[in-house]
Amino acid sequence: MAFLQEENISCPYCGETITILLDPSDTDQDYIEDCQVCCQPINFSVVANELDELEVIVSSDY
């Protein structure tokens, strides 16, 4: 059973730091979620690095 992992990211629109939850079993995903502060759509890319740690890349491109 995989535990959810908290990750802090900065919104590419308003710059606010928001906390998201990641499921370690769901790597190599792209999804869009609205910023909790400014409601703009953020594109999230979740990948596993060479150490099998999750990395989140956020952008305003969708």
N, C-alpha and C. Protein backbone atom coordinates (compact mmCIF):
# COMPACT_ATOMS: atom_id res chain seq x y z
N MET A 1 0.85 -1.19 0.00
CA MET A 1 0.00 0.00 0.00
C MET A 1 0.89 1.24 0.00
N ALA A 2 0.62 2.13 -0.93
CA ALA A 2 1.41 3.36 -1.04
C ALA A 2 0.75 4.47 -0.21
N PHE A 3 1.58 5.23 0.43
CA PHE A 3 1.09 6.36 1.22
C PHE A 3 1.16 7.62 0.38
N LEU A 4 0.17 8.49 0.57
CA LEU A 4 0.18 9.76 -0.14
C LEU A 4 1.31 10.62 0.38
N GLN A 5 1.89 11.37 -0.52
CA GLN A 5 3.03 12.23 -0.20
C GLN A 5 2.64 13.69 -0.43
N GLU A 6 2.90 14.54 0.57
CA GLU A 6 2.62 15.97 0.42
C GLU A 6 3.76 16.63 -0.32
N GLU A 7 3.41 17.56 -1.17
CA GLU A 7 4.40 18.33 -1.92
C GLU A 7 3.92 19.77 -1.98
N ASN A 8 4.82 20.71 -1.72
CA ASN A 8 4.50 22.13 -1.84
C ASN A 8 4.98 22.62 -3.20
N ILE A 9 4.08 23.30 -3.90
CA ILE A 9 4.44 23.86 -5.20
C ILE A 9 4.05 25.34 -5.21
N SER A 10 4.62 26.09 -6.13
CA SER A 10 4.26 27.49 -6.32
C SER A 10 3.40 27.60 -7.57
N CYS A 11 2.30 28.30 -7.46
CA CYS A 11 1.42 28.51 -8.60
C CYS A 11 2.17 29.35 -9.64
N PRO A 12 2.16 28.90 -10.91
CA PRO A 12 2.85 29.68 -11.96
C PRO A 12 2.15 30.99 -12.30
N TYR A 13 0.93 31.19 -11.81
CA TYR A 13 0.18 32.42 -12.07
C TYR A 13 0.34 33.43 -10.94
N CYS A 14 -0.04 33.04 -9.72
CA CYS A 14 -0.07 33.99 -8.61
C CYS A 14 1.12 33.86 -7.68
N GLY A 15 1.90 32.76 -7.81
CA GLY A 15 3.09 32.59 -6.99
C GLY A 15 2.84 32.05 -5.59
N GLU A 16 1.58 31.85 -5.22
CA GLU A 16 1.26 31.32 -3.89
C GLU A 16 1.73 29.87 -3.77
N THR A 17 2.18 29.52 -2.59
CA THR A 17 2.56 28.14 -2.31
C THR A 17 1.31 27.36 -1.91
N ILE A 18 1.08 26.25 -2.60
CA ILE A 18 -0.05 25.39 -2.27
C ILE A 18 0.47 23.97 -2.05
N THR A 19 -0.25 23.22 -1.24
CA THR A 19 0.13 21.84 -0.93
C THR A 19 -0.74 20.89 -1.73
N ILE A 20 -0.09 19.94 -2.40
CA ILE A 20 -0.82 18.92 -3.14
C ILE A 20 -0.45 17.55 -2.58
N LEU A 21 -1.30 16.57 -2.82
CA LEU A 21 -1.04 15.20 -2.40
C LEU A 21 -0.72 14.35 -3.63
N LEU A 22 0.34 13.57 -3.53
CA LEU A 22 0.76 12.71 -4.62
C LEU A 22 0.64 11.25 -4.22
N ASP A 23 0.22 10.44 -5.14
CA ASP A 23 0.18 9.00 -4.93
C ASP A 23 1.42 8.41 -5.60
N PRO A 24 2.36 7.86 -4.84
CA PRO A 24 3.60 7.33 -5.41
C PRO A 24 3.39 6.24 -6.45
N SER A 25 2.25 5.60 -6.46
CA SER A 25 1.99 4.56 -7.46
C SER A 25 1.54 5.14 -8.80
N ASP A 26 1.27 6.45 -8.85
CA ASP A 26 0.80 7.10 -10.07
C ASP A 26 1.87 8.01 -10.66
N THR A 27 2.98 7.44 -11.09
CA THR A 27 4.04 8.26 -11.69
C THR A 27 3.81 8.41 -13.19
N ASP A 28 4.57 9.31 -13.77
CA ASP A 28 4.50 9.60 -15.20
C ASP A 28 3.09 10.00 -15.63
N GLN A 29 2.51 10.91 -14.86
CA GLN A 29 1.18 11.42 -15.16
C GLN A 29 1.22 12.90 -15.46
N ASP A 30 0.30 13.33 -16.27
CA ASP A 30 0.04 14.75 -16.51
C ASP A 30 -1.43 14.99 -16.20
N TYR A 31 -1.69 16.04 -15.46
CA TYR A 31 -3.09 16.40 -15.19
C TYR A 31 -3.19 17.88 -14.92
N ILE A 32 -4.40 18.40 -14.99
CA ILE A 32 -4.67 19.82 -14.78
C ILE A 32 -5.54 19.97 -13.55
N GLU A 33 -5.15 20.89 -12.68
CA GLU A 33 -5.92 21.18 -11.47
C GLU A 33 -5.90 22.68 -11.26
N ASP A 34 -7.01 23.24 -10.81
CA ASP A 34 -7.07 24.68 -10.58
C ASP A 34 -6.33 25.06 -9.31
N CYS A 35 -5.67 26.21 -9.34
CA CYS A 35 -5.01 26.76 -8.16
C CYS A 35 -6.05 27.02 -7.08
N GLN A 36 -5.73 26.66 -5.86
CA GLN A 36 -6.66 26.86 -4.74
C GLN A 36 -6.81 28.33 -4.37
N VAL A 37 -5.90 29.18 -4.85
CA VAL A 37 -5.92 30.60 -4.50
C VAL A 37 -6.53 31.44 -5.63
N CYS A 38 -5.96 31.33 -6.85
CA CYS A 38 -6.41 32.21 -7.93
C CYS A 38 -7.31 31.51 -8.96
N CYS A 39 -7.51 30.21 -8.81
CA CYS A 39 -8.42 29.42 -9.66
C CYS A 39 -7.96 29.26 -11.11
N GLN A 40 -6.72 29.57 -11.42
CA GLN A 40 -6.19 29.37 -12.77
C GLN A 40 -5.79 27.90 -12.94
N PRO A 41 -5.89 27.37 -14.17
CA PRO A 41 -5.55 25.95 -14.39
C PRO A 41 -4.03 25.74 -14.42
N ILE A 42 -3.56 24.83 -13.58
CA ILE A 42 -2.13 24.50 -13.50
C ILE A 42 -1.93 23.13 -14.10
N ASN A 43 -0.94 23.00 -15.00
CA ASN A 43 -0.58 21.71 -15.58
C ASN A 43 0.46 21.06 -14.68
N PHE A 44 0.15 19.87 -14.17
CA PHE A 44 1.07 19.12 -13.31
C PHE A 44 1.63 17.94 -14.09
N SER A 45 2.93 17.73 -14.00
CA SER A 45 3.58 16.53 -14.53
C SER A 45 4.27 15.86 -13.36
N VAL A 46 3.92 14.61 -13.09
CA VAL A 46 4.50 13.87 -11.98
C VAL A 46 5.38 12.78 -12.56
N VAL A 47 6.66 12.80 -12.18
CA VAL A 47 7.62 11.82 -12.68
C VAL A 47 8.46 11.30 -11.52
N ALA A 48 9.01 10.11 -11.71
CA ALA A 48 9.94 9.56 -10.74
C ALA A 48 11.36 9.83 -11.25
N ASN A 49 12.21 10.37 -10.38
CA ASN A 49 13.59 10.65 -10.78
C ASN A 49 14.43 9.37 -10.68
N GLU A 50 15.73 9.50 -10.90
CA GLU A 50 16.61 8.32 -10.90
C GLU A 50 16.71 7.65 -9.53
N LEU A 51 16.31 8.33 -8.46
CA LEU A 51 16.31 7.76 -7.11
C LEU A 51 14.92 7.25 -6.72
N ASP A 52 14.01 7.17 -7.69
CA ASP A 52 12.62 6.77 -7.47
C ASP A 52 11.87 7.71 -6.53
N GLU A 53 12.28 8.97 -6.48
CA GLU A 53 11.56 9.99 -5.73
C GLU A 53 10.65 10.73 -6.70
N LEU A 54 9.49 11.12 -6.21
CA LEU A 54 8.55 11.84 -7.06
C LEU A 54 8.97 13.28 -7.23
N GLU A 55 8.86 13.77 -8.45
CA GLU A 55 9.10 15.17 -8.76
C GLU A 55 7.87 15.70 -9.46
N VAL A 56 7.51 16.94 -9.13
CA VAL A 56 6.36 17.58 -9.73
C VAL A 56 6.84 18.79 -10.50
N ILE A 57 6.44 18.85 -11.75
CA ILE A 57 6.75 20.00 -12.61
C ILE A 57 5.42 20.69 -12.88
N VAL A 58 5.36 21.99 -12.57
CA VAL A 58 4.12 22.74 -12.79
C VAL A 58 4.35 23.79 -13.86
N SER A 59 3.32 24.04 -14.65
CA SER A 59 3.42 25.08 -15.66
C SER A 59 2.04 25.65 -15.94
N SER A 60 2.03 26.76 -16.64
CA SER A 60 0.76 27.39 -17.03
C SER A 60 0.35 26.93 -18.42
N ASP A 61 1.14 26.06 -19.05
CA ASP A 61 0.81 25.52 -20.37
C ASP A 61 -0.11 24.32 -20.21
N TYR A 62 -1.20 24.34 -20.91
CA TYR A 62 -2.11 23.19 -20.89
C TYR A 62 -2.76 22.96 -22.21
